Amino acid sequence: MAAVSDLMKRNFLLIFPMFASPEVAVSSQNSKASSVEKMRTSFSGEAPSQGPINIEIHGQRLTIRSDRDRAFVEGLAEYIDSKVAQLQDAAPAAPFDKLLMLASMTVAEELFEAQSQLRELRNQLKARSAVLSDLLDECERL
């Protein structure tokens, strides 16, 4: 179970790097020997301003520290948990690590689609701004 907890921690931090603080405390309460390990990252040199936040994804508990709002962090965990639950409904025999990988891919796909839509909207905004700028220039000449 410790390997699953480690995989969950790595996947969570890959998906949500904003939680990779200098010390991210992770504990697995499903393991026989309750251990806490600290993971060092170079993402941020600042310590998080909040205390530990306990989240649960598919029955696996994770304690993290973040400078983000507790409700925001819990909302992220609930979102990932719902993705894992949807995938488990589709593939009930799939092991937890595979469900996490598929959930990661699903969230990454959503992110890429949102980024693509954002790029398209920015391009449309630039084009419209250029048209408006040209119209203003023309009005000034009159």
C-alpha atoms as a PDB file:
ATOM      1  CA  MET A   1       0.000   0.000   0.000  1.00  0.00           C
ATOM      2  CA  ALA A   2       2.961   2.331   0.567  1.00  0.00           C
ATOM      3  CA  ALA A   3       3.831   2.090  -3.135  1.00  0.00           C
ATOM      4  CA  VAL A   4       0.282   3.164  -4.015  1.00  0.00           C
ATOM      5  CA  SER A   5       0.583   6.097  -1.612  1.00  0.00           C
ATOM      6  CA  ASP A   6       3.899   7.126  -3.188  1.00  0.00           C
ATOM      7  CA  LEU A   7       2.393   6.870  -6.674  1.00  0.00           C
ATOM      8  CA  MET A   8      -0.594   8.910  -5.568  1.00  0.00           C
ATOM      9  CA  LYS A   9       1.695  11.586  -4.130  1.00  0.00           C
ATOM     10  CA  ARG A  10       3.808  11.772  -7.289  1.00  0.00           C
ATOM     11  CA  ASN A  11       0.780  11.923  -9.594  1.00  0.00           C
ATOM     12  CA  PHE A  12      -0.912  14.544  -7.440  1.00  0.00           C
ATOM     13  CA  LEU A  13       2.177  16.746  -7.443  1.00  0.00           C
ATOM     14  CA  LEU A  14       2.648  16.295 -11.198  1.00  0.00           C
ATOM     15  CA  ILE A  15      -0.930  17.376 -11.830  1.00  0.00           C
ATOM     16  CA  PHE A  16      -0.904  20.150  -9.232  1.00  0.00           C
ATOM     17  CA  PRO A  17       2.647  21.495  -8.969  1.00  0.00           C
ATOM     18  CA  MET A  18       1.444  24.482  -6.963  1.00  0.00           C
ATOM     19  CA  PHE A  19       1.404  22.167  -3.950  1.00  0.00           C
ATOM     20  CA  ALA A  20       5.048  21.224  -4.307  1.00  0.00           C
ATOM     21  CA  SER A  21       6.377  23.280  -1.441  1.00  0.00           C
ATOM     22  CA  PRO A  22       9.803  22.797   0.137  1.00  0.00           C
ATOM     23  CA  GLU A  23       8.280  20.233   2.468  1.00  0.00           C
ATOM     24  CA  VAL A  24       5.213  18.291   1.475  1.00  0.00           C
ATOM     25  CA  ALA A  25       4.268  15.959   4.264  1.00  0.00           C
ATOM     26  CA  VAL A  26       2.619  12.813   3.048  1.00  0.00           C
ATOM     27  CA  SER A  27       1.209  10.109   5.221  1.00  0.00           C
ATOM     28  CA  SER A  28      -0.658   6.977   4.311  1.00  0.00           C
ATOM     29  CA  GLN A  29      -3.191   6.032   6.927  1.00  0.00           C
ATOM     30  CA  ASN A  30      -3.986   2.821   5.070  1.00  0.00           C
ATOM     31  CA  SER A  31      -0.530   1.373   5.590  1.00  0.00           C
ATOM     32  CA  LYS A  32       0.343  -0.834   8.556  1.00  0.00           C
ATOM     33  CA  ALA A  33       3.250   1.352   9.604  1.00  0.00           C
ATOM     34  CA  SER A  34       2.008   4.935   9.543  1.00  0.00           C
ATOM     35  CA  SER A  35       4.987   6.839   8.195  1.00  0.00           C
ATOM     36  CA  VAL A  36       5.532  10.425   7.210  1.00  0.00           C
ATOM     37  CA  GLU A  37       8.056  11.212   4.542  1.00  0.00           C
ATOM     38  CA  LYS A  38       9.177  14.609   3.387  1.00  0.00           C
ATOM     39  CA  MET A  39       9.700  15.416  -0.227  1.00  0.00           C
ATOM     40  CA  ARG A  40      11.998  18.279  -1.179  1.00  0.00           C
ATOM     41  CA  THR A  41      11.323  20.176  -4.364  1.00  0.00           C
ATOM     42  CA  SER A  42      12.745  23.260  -5.976  1.00  0.00           C
ATOM     43  CA  PHE A  43       9.355  24.673  -6.968  1.00  0.00           C
ATOM     44  CA  SER A  44       9.128  27.293  -4.243  1.00  0.00           C
ATOM     45  CA  GLY A  45      11.525  28.649  -1.680  1.00  0.00           C
ATOM     46  CA  GLU A  46       8.704  29.883   0.524  1.00  0.00           C
ATOM     47  CA  ALA A  47       7.020  27.854   3.214  1.00  0.00           C
ATOM     48  CA  PRO A  48       3.276  27.432   2.829  1.00  0.00           C
ATOM     49  CA  SER A  49       1.192  29.748   4.977  1.00  0.00           C
ATOM     50  CA  GLN A  50      -1.411  27.181   6.024  1.00  0.00           C
ATOM     51  CA  GLY A  51      -1.117  24.142   8.203  1.00  0.00           C
ATOM     52  CA  PRO A  52      -1.487  20.619   6.901  1.00  0.00           C
ATOM     53  CA  ILE A  53      -4.490  19.875   4.724  1.00  0.00           C
ATOM     54  CA  ASN A  54      -5.891  16.357   4.792  1.00  0.00           C
ATOM     55  CA  ILE A  55      -7.400  15.149   1.557  1.00  0.00           C
ATOM     56  CA  GLU A  56      -8.737  11.794   0.457  1.00  0.00           C
ATOM     57  CA  ILE A  57      -8.768  10.368  -3.035  1.00  0.00           C
ATOM     58  CA  HIS A  58     -10.384   6.985  -3.580  1.00  0.00           C
ATOM     59  CA  GLY A  59      -9.973   6.065   0.071  1.00  0.00           C
ATOM     60  CA  GLN A  60      -6.295   7.031   0.131  1.00  0.00           C
ATOM     61  CA  ARG A  61      -5.444   9.810   2.552  1.00  0.00           C
ATOM     62  CA  LEU A  62      -2.842  12.403   1.830  1.00  0.00           C
ATOM     63  CA  THR A  63      -1.643  15.264   4.020  1.00  0.00           C
ATOM     64  CA  ILE A  64      -0.191  18.195   2.146  1.00  0.00           C
ATOM     65  CA  ARG A  65       0.881  21.731   2.896  1.00  0.00           C
ATOM     66  CA  SER A  66      -0.072  24.504   0.537  1.00  0.00           C
ATOM     67  CA  ASP A  67      -0.232  28.257   0.387  1.00  0.00           C
ATOM     68  CA  ARG A  68      -3.567  27.865  -1.409  1.00  0.00           C
ATOM     69  CA  ASP A  69      -6.904  28.156   0.369  1.00  0.00           C
ATOM     70  CA  ARG A  70      -8.008  24.981   2.170  1.00  0.00           C
ATOM     71  CA  ALA A  71     -11.369  24.924   0.358  1.00  0.00           C
ATOM     72  CA  PHE A  72      -9.583  25.215  -2.992  1.00  0.00           C
ATOM     73  CA  VAL A  73      -7.279  22.293  -2.183  1.00  0.00           C
ATOM     74  CA  GLU A  74     -10.168  20.179  -0.953  1.00  0.00           C
ATOM     75  CA  GLY A  75     -12.096  21.047  -4.120  1.00  0.00           C
ATOM     76  CA  LEU A  76      -9.192  19.827  -6.241  1.00  0.00           C
ATOM     77  CA  ALA A  77      -9.076  16.573  -4.303  1.00  0.00           C
ATOM     78  CA  GLU A  78     -12.829  16.111  -4.711  1.00  0.00           C
ATOM     79  CA  TYR A  79     -12.478  16.715  -8.440  1.00  0.00           C
ATOM     80  CA  ILE A  80      -9.727  14.110  -8.796  1.00  0.00           C
ATOM     81  CA  ASP A  81     -11.685  11.713  -6.590  1.00  0.00           C
ATOM     82  CA  SER A  82     -14.725  12.102  -8.859  1.00  0.00           C
ATOM     83  CA  LYS A  83     -12.573  11.397 -11.934  1.00  0.00           C
ATOM     84  CA  VAL A  84     -11.169   8.252 -10.315  1.00  0.00           C
ATOM     85  CA  ALA A  85     -14.703   7.163  -9.332  1.00  0.00           C
ATOM     86  CA  GLN A  86     -15.958   7.681 -12.907  1.00  0.00           C
ATOM     87  CA  LEU A  87     -13.094   5.615 -14.248  1.00  0.00           C
ATOM     88  CA  GLN A  88     -13.668   2.878 -11.690  1.00  0.00           C
ATOM     89  CA  ASP A  89     -17.326   2.715 -12.721  1.00  0.00           C
ATOM     90  CA  ALA A  90     -16.158   2.129 -16.289  1.00  0.00           C
ATOM     91  CA  ALA A  91     -13.439  -0.371 -15.290  1.00  0.00           C
ATOM     92  CA  PRO A  92     -14.279  -1.875 -11.873  1.00  0.00           C
ATOM     93  CA  ALA A  93     -11.359  -4.317 -11.896  1.00  0.00           C
ATOM     94  CA  ALA A  94      -8.710  -1.699 -12.697  1.00  0.00           C
ATOM     95  CA  PRO A  95      -6.022  -1.296 -10.026  1.00  0.00           C
ATOM     96  CA  PHE A  96      -5.796   2.001  -8.187  1.00  0.00           C
ATOM     97  CA  ASP A  97      -2.501   3.044  -9.783  1.00  0.00           C
ATOM     98  CA  LYS A  98      -4.006   2.603 -13.261  1.00  0.00           C
ATOM     99  CA  LEU A  99      -7.077   4.601 -12.235  1.00  0.00           C
ATOM    100  CA  LEU A 100      -4.810   7.413 -11.046  1.00  0.00           C
ATOM    101  CA  MET A 101      -2.873   7.350 -14.300  1.00  0.00           C
ATOM    102  CA  LEU A 102      -6.088   7.487 -16.321  1.00  0.00           C
ATOM    103  CA  ALA A 103      -7.446  10.279 -14.118  1.00  0.00           C
ATOM    104  CA  SER A 104      -4.188  12.165 -14.679  1.00  0.00           C
ATOM    105  CA  MET A 105      -4.564  11.756 -18.432  1.00  0.00           C
ATOM    106  CA  THR A 106      -8.202  12.884 -18.279  1.00  0.00           C
ATOM    107  CA  VAL A 107      -7.338  16.009 -16.302  1.00  0.00           C
ATOM    108  CA  ALA A 108      -4.369  16.717 -18.591  1.00  0.00           C
ATOM    109  CA  GLU A 109      -6.659  16.403 -21.619  1.00  0.00           C
ATOM    110  CA  GLU A 110      -9.096  18.871 -20.045  1.00  0.00           C
ATOM    111  CA  LEU A 111      -6.210  21.238 -19.319  1.00  0.00           C
ATOM    112  CA  PHE A 112      -4.870  21.043 -22.881  1.00  0.00           C
ATOM    113  CA  GLU A 113      -8.343  21.654 -24.316  1.00  0.00           C
ATOM    114  CA  ALA A 114      -8.844  24.663 -22.021  1.00  0.00           C
ATOM    115  CA  GLN A 115      -5.419  26.033 -22.985  1.00  0.00           C
ATOM    116  CA  SER A 116      -6.263  25.607 -26.662  1.00  0.00           C
ATOM    117  CA  GLN A 117      -9.569  27.416 -26.191  1.00  0.00           C
ATOM    118  CA  LEU A 118      -7.781  30.191 -24.308  1.00  0.00           C
ATOM    119  CA  ARG A 119      -5.245  30.584 -27.138  1.00  0.00           C
ATOM    120  CA  GLU A 120      -8.085  30.756 -29.659  1.00  0.00           C
ATOM    121  CA  LEU A 121      -9.918  33.379 -27.601  1.00  0.00           C
ATOM    122  CA  ARG A 122      -6.732  35.425 -27.262  1.00  0.00           C
ATOM    123  CA  ASN A 123      -6.200  35.258 -31.023  1.00  0.00           C
ATOM    124  CA  GLN A 124      -9.790  36.377 -31.621  1.00  0.00           C
ATOM    125  CA  LEU A 125      -9.334  39.209 -29.133  1.00  0.00           C
ATOM    126  CA  LYS A 126      -6.132  40.346 -30.854  1.00  0.00           C
ATOM    127  CA  ALA A 127      -7.848  40.275 -34.246  1.00  0.00           C
ATOM    128  CA  ARG A 128     -10.830  42.261 -32.978  1.00  0.00           C
ATOM    129  CA  SER A 129      -8.531  44.721 -31.216  1.00  0.00           C
ATOM    130  CA  ALA A 130      -6.661  45.268 -34.477  1.00  0.00           C
ATOM    131  CA  VAL A 131      -9.938  45.909 -36.326  1.00  0.00           C
ATOM    132  CA  LEU A 132     -11.059  48.366 -33.639  1.00  0.00           C
ATOM    133  CA  SER A 133      -7.685  50.099 -33.713  1.00  0.00           C
ATOM    134  CA  ASP A 134      -7.927  50.470 -37.488  1.00  0.00           C
ATOM    135  CA  LEU A 135     -11.459  51.863 -37.162  1.00  0.00           C
ATOM    136  CA  LEU A 136     -10.312  54.370 -34.544  1.00  0.00           C
ATOM    137  CA  ASP A 137      -7.436  55.456 -36.766  1.00  0.00           C
ATOM    138  CA  GLU A 138      -9.862  55.928 -39.646  1.00  0.00           C
ATOM    139  CA  CYS A 139     -12.240  57.951 -37.459  1.00  0.00           C
ATOM    140  CA  GLU A 140      -9.393  60.201 -36.339  1.00  0.00           C
ATOM    141  CA  ARG A 141      -8.502  60.936 -39.959  1.00  0.00           C
ATOM    142  CA  LEU A 142     -12.032  62.126 -40.722  1.00  0.00           C
END
